[in-house]
Amino acid sequence: MTSQKVFTRPGILFRKDYHLALACTLSSVVFAVQLPIRAAEYETQNLPVLEAPPEVPAAVNSLDAATPVTTAAPPNDGIIPSSGFPTVESYTLGAGDQVRVDIFQLPEYSSEYEVLIDGTLSLPIVGQVAVAGLTLEQAERTISQAYAQRLRRPIIEIFLVTPRPLRVGIAGEVARPGEYILEREGTQFPSLVNALETAGGITQSADLRQVVVQRPDSSGGVQTFVANLWQFLNTGDLQYNLALQDGDTIYIPTRSDFDYAESLQLSAASFAAEGSQALNVAVVGEVLRPGPYAVSGSSSSRDNGTSAGSNGARQPTVSQAIQTAGGIQPEADLREVKIYRRTRNGTQLVIDVNLWALLTDGDITKDVALQEGDTVFVPEAETLIASEITEAASASFSPETIRINVVGEVEDPGAVEIPPNTPLSQGLLAAGGFNNRARQENVELIRLNPNGTATRTSIDVDFAAGLDEAENPLLRNNDVIVVGRSGIASFSDTLGSVVTPLGRAFSLFSIPLSILNLFD
């Protein structure tokens, strides 16, 4: 009969056969011999090597130099997340968590409990047990040690029933930085994207490749993770979307440059700034009504050049802001439009916008989405090309009509609405043309300047002349054309002003004669 021996373990008995133990010992020896051989085989394989993780932004480098840094994804085009990427299993308990504590074979002591404000669980027999900052596994060991003083070999299991709402801080390039409370949706913990959407979305100046998340640990230190949300936006891989924990601080750094294609992609992201909110921007330069405006994605009847935002609404763009300001002036330089943007770190970013490329080539990336506080500047062109002026007049960001005043010797004097970029000769014809008293050789053009002054210019009229700044200039909004009288009309009016009083005087002398005639 085979000899047998009894092995003991707290609370459990095992019966082992000596022959089985000997077989296990031999297997262990063989495995120990094979392990170095297997390791050498793996070393000879051509495994991919990840690039170094991205540098932490300067705002984070100012923290403790010993703070560990983990990358959520490599900075290149790969989609393999780092093995150090935090998971939900690392969740730490805190005040407000609802947990279930099961004690083996003691159902009367097993129940659901809430972590109190002081970070403890109030448990039967043992009383208060501190669990704040512990993982579920660490909490099991702590509770087991507490019950070991009262029970023999206790077996404890703890389950998270309802996690507490997460309190996080968000700063940097988001619409509304500050502190937020994030609720869990079903079994999913709030993610980095959820937090950005709650904060109103990212701005156009956000650097998604260097999103920094700082997380306090149980030892009192801080862990720093760098998440590459640009890879999430391009690949849709959820592993790049970091699961958040209570106490996390999120920082969205500022881009040092501007990319037109990326700007268009950012404005279409689900976590972009909300397009339904009106933006306070300024539009100055060669537009009909320069000044500050509140521009929203739905403010224009001609739905042009807008980008989808986080809530399905459309974000206003530079062309829509120009529309709101009344449209461009005839002298506007569409190739040199500029956007002056103040970033969250206090610097100013200047963005060059070539609206002529949008107009001629259909390059939608040139119609840049705006953000709060932007200033749009439309400069004056140094030279005017008649063909380009005509094409610009048909653009959606040109005014539909402008208003001028034609006074003097025309058939229909007064205010006249004409298409934009109409020359002076066409403006005269819109008022009915000259009447028979007009001086047809020249007219006077009175133009209001941006500084409040007015310029009065005499211009020779030639209806056969083409567009010319000196002889047939383009009319602007609120221009006044004065048509004078001809020499004959002036002489007739002067003579009439002299004869009319004399005629009235003679009529006075004729009154007594008329009375005497009554007695004849």
Protein backbone atom coordinates (compact mmCIF):
# COMPACT_ATOMS: atom_id res chain seq x y z
CA MET A 1 0.00 0.00 0.00
CA THR A 2 1.31 3.40 -1.00
CA SER A 3 2.39 5.57 1.93
CA GLN A 4 0.41 8.79 2.38
CA LYS A 5 0.88 12.06 4.31
CA VAL A 6 -1.58 14.78 5.34
CA PHE A 7 -0.76 18.47 4.47
CA THR A 8 -2.59 21.16 6.38
CA ARG A 9 -3.56 24.74 5.35
CA PRO A 10 -5.62 27.17 7.50
CA GLY A 11 -9.23 26.06 7.37
CA ILE A 12 -8.67 23.38 4.61
CA LEU A 13 -7.24 19.78 4.56
CA PHE A 14 -5.47 18.25 1.53
CA ARG A 15 -4.39 14.59 1.02
CA LYS A 16 -1.38 14.22 -1.28
CA ASP A 17 0.19 11.07 -2.67
CA TYR A 18 3.99 10.85 -2.35
CA HIS A 19 4.23 9.57 -5.93
CA LEU A 20 2.31 12.64 -7.14
CA ALA A 21 4.65 14.91 -5.18
CA LEU A 22 7.66 13.24 -6.73
CA ALA A 23 6.22 13.69 -10.25
CA CYS A 24 5.59 17.37 -9.58
CA THR A 25 9.15 17.81 -8.33
CA LEU A 26 10.60 16.27 -11.51
CA SER A 27 8.35 18.45 -13.69
CA SER A 28 9.59 21.55 -11.89
CA VAL A 29 13.20 20.59 -12.55
CA VAL A 30 12.53 20.09 -16.26
CA PHE A 31 10.70 23.45 -16.49
CA ALA A 32 13.58 25.20 -14.73
CA VAL A 33 16.00 23.79 -17.30
CA GLN A 34 13.81 24.75 -20.27
CA LEU A 35 13.09 28.32 -19.07
CA PRO A 36 16.46 29.85 -20.08
CA ILE A 37 16.19 28.12 -23.48
CA ARG A 38 12.71 29.62 -24.05
CA ALA A 39 13.95 33.04 -22.97
CA ALA A 40 16.82 32.86 -25.44
CA GLU A 41 14.38 31.97 -28.23
CA TYR A 42 12.25 35.07 -27.47
CA GLU A 43 15.33 37.29 -27.49
CA THR A 44 16.12 36.27 -31.07
CA GLN A 45 12.68 37.33 -32.40
CA ASN A 46 12.29 40.66 -34.20
CA LEU A 47 9.87 42.31 -31.82
CA PRO A 48 8.62 45.90 -32.50
CA VAL A 49 10.31 48.62 -30.49
CA LEU A 50 8.16 51.56 -29.36
CA GLU A 51 9.54 55.05 -29.57
CA ALA A 52 10.27 57.08 -26.47
CA PRO A 53 7.20 58.60 -24.79
CA PRO A 54 6.43 62.24 -25.54
CA GLU A 55 7.83 64.92 -23.29
CA VAL A 56 5.58 66.33 -20.62
CA PRO A 57 4.57 69.97 -21.34
CA ALA A 58 6.41 72.73 -19.52
CA ALA A 59 3.43 73.33 -17.25
CA VAL A 60 3.80 69.78 -15.94
CA ASN A 61 7.60 69.70 -15.84
CA SER A 62 7.45 72.29 -13.08
CA LEU A 63 6.06 69.59 -10.78
CA ASP A 64 8.04 67.09 -8.75
CA ALA A 65 10.78 65.72 -11.00
CA ALA A 66 10.32 62.27 -9.47
CA THR A 67 6.68 62.08 -10.60
CA PRO A 68 6.28 58.94 -12.75
CA VAL A 69 5.09 59.48 -16.31
CA THR A 70 3.06 56.89 -18.22
CA THR A 71 2.00 57.33 -21.83
CA ALA A 72 -1.45 56.26 -22.92
CA ALA A 73 -0.14 55.66 -26.43
CA PRO A 74 3.11 56.08 -28.37
CA PRO A 75 3.55 59.44 -30.10
CA ASN A 76 3.88 57.88 -33.55
CA ASP A 77 1.16 56.42 -35.74
CA GLY A 78 1.03 53.11 -33.86
CA ILE A 79 -2.09 52.17 -31.96
CA ILE A 80 -0.59 49.91 -29.29
CA PRO A 81 -1.20 51.47 -25.88
CA SER A 82 1.49 51.35 -23.21
CA SER A 83 1.39 48.55 -20.68
CA GLY A 84 1.39 51.21 -17.96
CA PHE A 85 -1.98 52.59 -19.08
CA PRO A 86 -4.25 52.78 -15.99
CA THR A 87 -7.25 50.44 -15.84
CA VAL A 88 -10.49 50.30 -13.86
CA GLU A 89 -9.00 47.48 -11.75
CA SER A 90 -6.78 50.09 -10.10
CA TYR A 91 -9.84 51.91 -8.75
CA THR A 92 -9.32 53.15 -5.21
CA LEU A 93 -12.08 53.47 -2.64
CA GLY A 94 -13.26 56.78 -1.24
CA ALA A 95 -16.14 58.46 0.55
CA GLY A 96 -19.48 57.72 -1.14
CA ASP A 97 -18.57 54.32 -2.62
CA GLN A 98 -21.20 51.61 -2.11
CA VAL A 99 -19.57 48.19 -1.56
CA ARG A 100 -20.65 44.69 -0.57
CA VAL A 101 -18.61 42.82 2.03
CA ASP A 102 -19.10 39.01 2.09
CA ILE A 103 -17.70 36.96 5.00
CA PHE A 104 -17.46 33.24 4.17
CA GLN A 105 -20.05 31.16 6.05
CA LEU A 106 -21.22 34.24 8.00
CA PRO A 107 -24.15 35.64 5.98
CA GLU A 108 -25.47 37.52 9.00
CA TYR A 109 -22.36 39.74 8.86
CA SER A 110 -22.37 40.07 5.05
CA SER A 111 -24.10 43.15 3.65
CA GLU A 112 -23.72 46.36 1.60
CA TYR A 113 -21.98 49.32 3.17
CA GLU A 114 -21.11 52.87 2.17
CA VAL A 115 -17.67 54.36 2.67
CA LEU A 116 -18.22 57.18 5.16
CA ILE A 117 -16.98 60.74 4.82
CA ASP A 118 -13.93 59.91 6.93
CA GLY A 119 -12.99 57.07 4.54
CA THR A 120 -14.02 54.17 6.80
CA LEU A 121 -16.50 51.29 6.67
CA SER A 122 -18.67 50.65 9.72
CA LEU A 123 -18.66 46.84 9.95
CA PRO A 124 -20.25 44.43 12.45
CA ILE A 125 -18.10 43.29 15.39
CA VAL A 126 -14.92 45.14 14.33
CA GLY A 127 -16.43 48.63 13.94
CA GLN A 128 -14.65 51.29 11.83
CA VAL A 129 -12.11 50.07 9.23
CA ALA A 130 -10.22 52.64 7.12
CA VAL A 131 -10.36 51.80 3.40
CA ALA A 132 -9.99 55.21 1.69
CA GLY A 133 -7.26 55.15 -0.96
CA LEU A 134 -7.16 51.34 -1.09
CA THR A 135 -7.93 49.10 -4.05
CA LEU A 136 -10.52 46.36 -3.62
CA GLU A 137 -7.78 43.77 -3.13
CA GLN A 138 -6.03 45.91 -0.52
CA ALA A 139 -9.34 46.56 1.23
CA GLU A 140 -10.00 42.79 1.42
CA ARG A 141 -6.68 42.26 3.19
CA THR A 142 -7.29 45.15 5.60
CA ILE A 143 -10.77 43.91 6.53
CA SER A 144 -9.48 40.32 6.89
CA GLN A 145 -6.83 41.54 9.34
CA ALA A 146 -9.49 43.37 11.35
CA TYR A 147 -11.73 40.28 11.57
CA ALA A 148 -8.78 37.97 12.31
CA GLN A 149 -8.77 39.37 15.83
CA ARG A 150 -12.32 38.07 16.37
CA LEU A 151 -12.73 35.18 13.88
CA ARG A 152 -10.60 32.15 13.10
CA ARG A 153 -9.17 32.30 9.57
CA PRO A 154 -11.78 34.71 8.08
CA ILE A 155 -12.27 34.70 4.29
CA ILE A 156 -13.39 38.15 3.08
CA GLU A 157 -14.59 39.26 -0.36
CA ILE A 158 -15.46 42.85 -1.27
CA PHE A 159 -17.32 44.05 -4.39
CA LEU A 160 -17.90 47.55 -5.71
CA VAL A 161 -21.67 48.01 -6.08
CA THR A 162 -22.03 51.72 -6.88
CA PRO A 163 -18.95 53.90 -7.30
CA ARG A 164 -19.00 57.45 -6.02
CA PRO A 165 -19.24 60.40 -8.46
CA LEU A 166 -15.83 61.54 -9.59
CA ARG A 167 -14.57 65.02 -8.75
CA VAL A 168 -12.03 66.17 -11.33
CA GLY A 169 -10.35 69.44 -12.30
CA ILE A 170 -9.99 70.53 -15.94
CA ALA A 171 -7.68 73.31 -17.12
CA GLY A 172 -6.08 74.52 -20.33
CA GLU A 173 -7.63 74.69 -23.79
CA VAL A 174 -11.25 73.90 -22.94
CA ALA A 175 -14.29 76.16 -23.22
CA ARG A 176 -15.09 76.21 -19.48
CA PRO A 177 -12.15 75.20 -17.25
CA GLY A 178 -12.92 74.38 -13.61
CA GLU A 179 -14.00 71.63 -11.23
CA TYR A 180 -16.61 69.09 -12.32
CA ILE A 181 -18.54 66.16 -10.83
CA LEU A 182 -18.79 63.23 -13.26
CA GLU A 183 -21.41 60.51 -12.84
CA ARG A 184 -20.94 56.93 -13.95
CA GLU A 185 -23.10 55.73 -16.86
CA GLY A 186 -24.15 52.13 -16.22
CA THR A 187 -21.07 50.01 -15.68
CA GLN A 188 -18.74 52.46 -17.44
CA PHE A 189 -16.51 54.84 -15.55
CA PRO A 190 -16.25 58.42 -16.84
CA SER A 191 -13.52 58.79 -19.43
CA LEU A 192 -11.25 61.60 -20.55
CA VAL A 193 -13.54 62.42 -23.47
CA ASN A 194 -16.57 62.55 -21.13
CA ALA A 195 -14.76 65.09 -18.98
CA LEU A 196 -13.87 67.29 -21.97
CA GLU A 197 -17.48 67.25 -23.19
CA THR A 198 -18.68 68.25 -19.73
CA ALA A 199 -16.26 71.21 -19.77
CA GLY A 200 -17.80 72.53 -22.99
CA GLY A 201 -15.33 70.89 -25.37
CA ILE A 202 -11.81 71.71 -26.49
CA THR A 203 -10.79 74.94 -28.19
CA GLN A 204 -9.16 75.19 -31.62
CA SER A 205 -5.79 75.77 -29.91
CA ALA A 206 -5.77 72.42 -28.06
CA ASP A 207 -2.83 70.01 -28.43
CA LEU A 208 -4.48 66.59 -28.24
CA ARG A 209 -1.17 64.73 -28.49
CA GLN A 210 -0.06 65.87 -25.04
CA VAL A 211 -3.14 65.68 -22.79
CA VAL A 212 -1.86 65.44 -19.21
CA VAL A 213 -3.73 63.66 -16.39
CA GLN A 214 -2.37 63.91 -12.85
CA ARG A 215 -3.58 61.36 -10.33
CA PRO A 216 -2.92 61.21 -6.56
CA ASP A 217 -1.82 57.80 -5.28
CA SER A 218 -2.25 56.10 -1.91
CA SER A 219 1.30 57.00 -0.84
CA GLY A 220 0.60 60.73 -1.07
CA GLY A 221 2.45 61.22 -4.35
CA VAL A 222 1.18 62.12 -7.79
CA GLN A 223 1.25 60.05 -10.96
CA THR A 224 1.27 61.84 -14.33
CA PHE A 225 -0.14 60.23 -17.48
CA VAL A 226 0.21 61.66 -20.98
CA ALA A 227 -2.72 60.63 -23.22
CA ASN A 228 -2.62 60.93 -27.01
CA LEU A 229 -6.22 61.79 -27.86
CA TRP A 230 -5.22 62.62 -31.44
CA GLN A 231 -4.70 58.88 -32.00
CA PHE A 232 -8.14 58.23 -30.49
CA LEU A 233 -9.64 60.78 -32.89
CA ASN A 234 -7.96 59.16 -35.89
CA THR A 235 -8.26 55.46 -35.00
CA GLY A 236 -11.31 55.30 -32.71
CA ASP A 237 -9.36 52.93 -30.44
CA LEU A 238 -11.00 53.23 -27.02
CA GLN A 239 -7.78 52.23 -25.29
CA TYR A 240 -6.54 55.78 -25.87
CA ASN A 241 -9.53 57.19 -23.96
CA LEU A 242 -8.24 57.15 -20.38
CA ALA A 243 -10.65 56.00 -17.64
CA LEU A 244 -10.71 58.66 -14.92
CA GLN A 245 -10.58 58.35 -11.15
CA ASP A 246 -11.65 60.60 -8.34
CA GLY A 247 -9.26 63.49 -7.79
CA ASP A 248 -7.78 63.48 -11.32
CA THR A 249 -6.55 66.78 -12.77
CA ILE A 250 -6.72 67.18 -16.56
CA TYR A 251 -4.59 69.72 -18.44
CA ILE A 252 -5.03 70.42 -22.18
CA PRO A 253 -1.87 72.18 -23.44
CA THR A 254 -1.75 74.82 -26.18
CA ARG A 255 -0.51 74.15 -29.70
CA SER A 256 2.53 76.17 -30.73
CA ASP A 257 1.38 76.34 -34.38
CA PHE A 258 -1.79 76.07 -36.45
CA ASP A 259 -2.76 73.33 -38.89
CA TYR A 260 -5.74 73.96 -41.19
CA ALA A 261 -6.62 70.30 -41.80
CA GLU A 262 -6.36 69.40 -38.11
CA SER A 263 -8.48 72.42 -37.19
CA LEU A 264 -11.27 71.15 -39.44
CA GLN A 265 -11.01 67.69 -37.88
CA LEU A 266 -11.01 69.10 -34.35
CA SER A 267 -14.15 71.14 -34.99
CA ALA A 268 -15.96 67.96 -36.10
CA ALA A 269 -15.01 65.93 -33.00
CA SER A 270 -17.65 64.95 -30.45
CA PHE A 271 -15.65 66.74 -27.75
CA ALA A 272 -15.19 69.99 -29.72
CA ALA A 273 -16.54 73.26 -28.35
CA GLU A 274 -20.32 73.58 -28.49
CA GLY A 275 -21.49 75.26 -31.68
CA SER A 276 -24.84 76.38 -30.29
CA GLN A 277 -23.22 78.89 -27.95
CA ALA A 278 -22.74 82.37 -29.44
CA LEU A 279 -19.09 83.44 -29.63
CA ASN A 280 -18.01 87.00 -28.88
CA VAL A 281 -15.68 88.01 -31.70
CA ALA A 282 -14.59 91.23 -33.41
CA VAL A 283 -14.57 91.83 -37.17
CA VAL A 284 -12.59 94.83 -38.40
CA GLY A 285 -11.11 96.14 -41.63
CA GLU A 286 -12.71 96.08 -45.06
CA VAL A 287 -16.22 94.99 -44.04
CA LEU A 288 -19.45 96.98 -44.23
CA ARG A 289 -20.10 97.18 -40.47
CA PRO A 290 -16.88 96.60 -38.48
CA GLY A 291 -17.18 96.00 -34.75
CA PRO A 292 -17.84 93.35 -32.07
CA TYR A 293 -20.42 90.63 -32.75
CA ALA A 294 -21.96 87.61 -31.05
CA VAL A 295 -21.75 84.93 -33.75
CA SER A 296 -23.38 81.51 -33.47
CA GLY A 297 -23.51 78.62 -35.88
CA SER A 298 -27.17 79.25 -36.69
CA SER A 299 -26.99 83.04 -37.03
CA SER A 300 -26.72 83.15 -40.82
CA SER A 301 -29.58 82.48 -43.20
CA ARG A 302 -27.04 81.36 -45.78
CA ASP A 303 -25.71 78.27 -44.00
CA ASN A 304 -22.13 78.47 -45.24
CA GLY A 305 -18.77 77.39 -43.99
CA THR A 306 -19.69 75.97 -40.60
CA SER A 307 -18.39 72.91 -38.79
CA ALA A 308 -20.20 70.36 -36.63
CA GLY A 309 -19.63 70.81 -32.92
CA SER A 310 -19.97 68.55 -29.89
CA ASN A 311 -23.78 68.73 -29.75
CA GLY A 312 -24.50 68.47 -33.47
CA ALA A 313 -24.67 72.25 -33.87
CA ARG A 314 -22.30 74.10 -36.16
CA GLN A 315 -19.37 76.20 -35.07
CA PRO A 316 -19.12 79.65 -36.66
CA THR A 317 -16.27 80.21 -39.07
CA VAL A 318 -14.41 83.25 -40.35
CA SER A 319 -16.60 83.58 -43.45
CA GLN A 320 -19.74 83.52 -41.32
CA ALA A 321 -18.35 86.23 -39.04
CA ILE A 322 -17.70 88.39 -42.12
CA GLN A 323 -21.29 87.78 -43.25
CA THR A 324 -22.54 88.93 -39.85
CA ALA A 325 -20.49 92.14 -40.22
CA GLY A 326 -22.31 92.93 -43.47
CA GLY A 327 -19.87 91.32 -45.92
CA ILE A 328 -16.63 92.46 -47.50
CA GLN A 329 -15.91 95.82 -49.07
CA PRO A 330 -14.85 95.96 -52.75
CA GLU A 331 -11.26 96.78 -51.71
CA ALA A 332 -10.94 93.76 -49.37
CA ASP A 333 -7.82 91.59 -49.76
CA LEU A 334 -9.18 88.05 -49.40
CA ARG A 335 -5.70 86.49 -49.57
CA GLU A 336 -4.43 88.17 -46.40
CA VAL A 337 -7.27 87.81 -43.90
CA LYS A 338 -5.93 87.28 -40.38
CA ILE A 339 -7.32 85.86 -37.15
CA TYR A 340 -5.80 87.09 -33.89
CA ARG A 341 -6.42 84.47 -31.19
CA ARG A 342 -5.63 84.69 -27.47
CA THR A 343 -4.74 81.26 -26.04
CA ARG A 344 -5.23 79.99 -22.49
CA ASN A 345 -1.53 80.39 -21.67
CA GLY A 346 -1.70 84.13 -22.45
CA THR A 347 0.05 84.13 -25.82
CA GLN A 348 -1.41 85.43 -29.08
CA LEU A 349 -1.65 83.19 -32.12
CA VAL A 350 -1.88 84.84 -35.55
CA ILE A 351 -3.60 82.68 -38.19
CA ASP A 352 -3.33 83.58 -41.88
CA VAL A 353 -6.53 82.82 -43.79
CA ASN A 354 -6.64 82.74 -47.59
CA LEU A 355 -10.33 83.13 -48.36
CA TRP A 356 -9.48 83.51 -52.05
CA ALA A 357 -8.41 79.83 -52.06
CA LEU A 358 -11.79 78.97 -50.51
CA LEU A 359 -13.57 80.98 -53.19
CA THR A 360 -11.63 79.72 -56.23
CA ASP A 361 -10.43 76.23 -55.23
CA GLY A 362 -13.13 75.24 -52.76
CA ASP A 363 -10.51 74.60 -50.03
CA ILE A 364 -12.82 74.30 -47.03
CA THR A 365 -9.86 74.07 -44.64
CA LYS A 366 -9.26 77.80 -45.21
CA ASP A 367 -12.60 78.65 -43.64
CA VAL A 368 -11.23 78.38 -40.12
CA ALA A 369 -13.58 77.73 -37.19
CA LEU A 370 -13.59 80.56 -34.66
CA GLN A 371 -13.39 80.46 -30.89
CA GLU A 372 -14.31 82.86 -28.10
CA GLY A 373 -12.45 86.19 -28.22
CA ASP A 374 -11.10 85.93 -31.80
CA THR A 375 -10.50 89.08 -33.86
CA VAL A 376 -10.95 88.83 -37.65
CA PHE A 377 -9.06 91.44 -39.68
CA VAL A 378 -9.79 91.97 -43.40
CA PRO A 379 -7.04 94.19 -44.91
CA GLU A 380 -7.30 96.52 -47.90
CA ALA A 381 -5.85 95.26 -51.18
CA GLU A 382 -2.93 97.19 -52.63
CA THR A 383 -4.06 96.61 -56.23
CA LEU A 384 -7.51 95.81 -57.62
CA ILE A 385 -8.16 93.39 -60.47
CA ALA A 386 -11.52 93.85 -62.18
CA SER A 387 -12.08 90.12 -62.80
CA GLU A 388 -11.32 89.23 -59.19
CA ILE A 389 -13.60 91.97 -57.87
CA THR A 390 -16.48 90.61 -59.95
CA GLU A 391 -15.85 87.07 -58.69
CA ALA A 392 -15.59 88.20 -55.06
CA ALA A 393 -18.91 90.03 -55.40
CA SER A 394 -20.65 86.69 -55.99
CA ALA A 395 -19.18 85.07 -52.86
CA SER A 396 -21.45 84.07 -49.99
CA PHE A 397 -19.51 86.36 -47.64
CA SER A 398 -20.12 89.40 -49.85
CA PRO A 399 -23.13 91.62 -49.05
CA GLU A 400 -26.26 90.97 -51.08
CA THR A 401 -26.84 94.71 -51.60
CA ILE A 402 -25.34 98.03 -50.58
CA ARG A 403 -27.11 101.38 -50.21
CA ILE A 404 -26.01 104.62 -51.84
CA ASN A 405 -27.59 108.06 -52.17
CA VAL A 406 -27.85 109.87 -55.50
CA VAL A 407 -28.88 113.52 -55.20
CA GLY A 408 -29.18 116.36 -57.68
CA GLU A 409 -30.15 116.29 -61.33
CA VAL A 410 -31.22 112.67 -61.87
CA GLU A 411 -34.58 111.22 -62.77
CA ASP A 412 -35.10 109.38 -59.43
CA PRO A 413 -32.99 110.99 -56.69
CA GLY A 414 -32.70 109.45 -53.22
CA ALA A 415 -31.51 106.22 -51.63
CA VAL A 416 -30.77 103.38 -54.04
CA GLU A 417 -29.93 99.75 -53.28
CA ILE A 418 -27.44 98.21 -55.70
CA PRO A 419 -25.41 95.00 -55.86
CA PRO A 420 -21.96 95.11 -54.25
CA ASN A 421 -18.99 96.15 -56.37
CA THR A 422 -21.17 98.32 -58.62
CA PRO A 423 -19.18 101.06 -60.41
CA LEU A 424 -20.19 104.72 -60.31
CA SER A 425 -21.65 104.75 -63.82
CA GLN A 426 -24.01 101.90 -62.93
CA GLY A 427 -25.03 103.68 -59.74
CA LEU A 428 -26.11 106.73 -61.80
CA LEU A 429 -28.16 104.54 -64.09
CA ALA A 430 -29.80 102.85 -61.08
CA ALA A 431 -31.13 106.31 -60.12
CA GLY A 432 -32.68 106.78 -63.57
CA GLY A 433 -29.74 108.56 -65.17
CA PHE A 434 -29.29 112.27 -65.87
CA ASN A 435 -32.29 114.54 -66.43
CA ASN A 436 -32.27 117.44 -68.94
CA ARG A 437 -30.90 119.85 -66.34
CA ALA A 438 -27.83 117.78 -65.35
CA ARG A 439 -24.20 118.64 -65.89
CA GLN A 440 -23.20 115.41 -67.55
CA GLU A 441 -19.45 115.98 -67.76
CA ASN A 442 -18.66 115.16 -64.12
CA VAL A 443 -20.19 114.35 -60.74
CA GLU A 444 -19.00 114.55 -57.15
CA LEU A 445 -18.50 111.44 -54.99
CA ILE A 446 -18.69 111.94 -51.22
CA ARG A 447 -17.32 109.00 -49.20
CA LEU A 448 -17.27 108.51 -45.44
CA ASN A 449 -13.91 107.37 -44.07
CA PRO A 450 -13.46 104.90 -41.18
CA ASN A 451 -12.07 107.70 -38.98
CA GLY A 452 -15.30 109.70 -39.31
CA THR A 453 -14.11 112.18 -41.93
CA ALA A 454 -15.51 112.53 -45.45
CA THR A 455 -13.73 112.75 -48.82
CA ARG A 456 -15.22 114.78 -51.69
CA THR A 457 -13.91 113.85 -55.17
CA SER A 458 -14.86 115.20 -58.63
CA ILE A 459 -15.04 112.41 -61.21
CA ASP A 460 -15.49 112.70 -64.97
CA VAL A 461 -18.37 110.56 -66.18
CA ASP A 462 -17.83 108.14 -69.06
CA PHE A 463 -20.45 105.44 -69.38
CA ALA A 464 -18.26 103.58 -71.88
CA ALA A 465 -15.32 103.35 -69.46
CA GLY A 466 -14.57 100.13 -67.67
CA LEU A 467 -13.78 99.72 -64.00
CA ASP A 468 -11.22 102.35 -63.03
CA GLU A 469 -10.48 103.78 -59.61
CA ALA A 470 -9.99 107.27 -61.04
CA GLU A 471 -12.70 107.50 -63.72
CA ASN A 472 -15.24 104.84 -62.75
CA PRO A 473 -14.61 103.70 -59.15
CA LEU A 474 -16.47 100.99 -57.30
CA LEU A 475 -19.15 102.30 -54.99
CA ARG A 476 -19.18 101.56 -51.29
CA ASN A 477 -21.97 101.38 -48.79
CA ASN A 478 -23.30 104.86 -47.85
CA ASP A 479 -21.54 106.63 -50.74
CA VAL A 480 -23.22 109.84 -51.95
CA ILE A 481 -23.23 110.89 -55.63
CA VAL A 482 -23.99 114.56 -56.27
CA VAL A 483 -25.09 115.49 -59.81
CA GLY A 484 -24.81 119.23 -60.45
CA ARG A 485 -26.76 121.50 -62.81
CA SER A 486 -25.63 122.37 -66.32
CA GLY A 487 -24.62 125.94 -67.25
CA ILE A 488 -27.93 126.64 -69.00
CA ALA A 489 -29.90 125.30 -66.04
CA SER A 490 -27.85 127.43 -63.66
CA PHE A 491 -28.42 130.57 -65.79
CA SER A 492 -32.13 129.83 -66.06
CA ASP A 493 -32.41 129.32 -62.32
CA THR A 494 -30.48 132.55 -61.67
CA LEU A 495 -32.61 134.51 -64.11
CA GLY A 496 -35.73 133.05 -62.58
CA SER A 497 -34.59 134.08 -59.13
CA VAL A 498 -34.24 137.71 -60.42
CA VAL A 499 -37.37 137.93 -62.58
CA THR A 500 -39.71 136.37 -60.12
CA PRO A 501 -39.38 139.15 -57.49
CA LEU A 502 -39.81 141.85 -60.22
CA GLY A 503 -42.94 140.16 -61.45
CA ARG A 504 -44.33 140.22 -57.96
CA ALA A 505 -43.52 143.96 -57.65
CA PHE A 506 -45.30 144.77 -60.94
CA SER A 507 -48.27 142.81 -59.72
CA LEU A 508 -48.48 145.16 -56.71
CA PHE A 509 -48.64 148.27 -58.98
CA SER A 510 -51.40 146.71 -61.01
CA ILE A 511 -53.71 146.43 -58.00
CA PRO A 512 -54.78 150.19 -57.97
CA LEU A 513 -55.42 150.14 -61.71
CA SER A 514 -57.62 147.11 -61.22
CA ILE A 515 -59.60 149.01 -58.57
CA LEU A 516 -60.07 152.10 -60.84
CA ASN A 517 -61.28 149.89 -63.60
CA LEU A 518 -64.09 148.83 -61.33
CA PHE A 519 -65.57 152.42 -61.45
CA ASP A 520 -65.37 152.78 -65.20
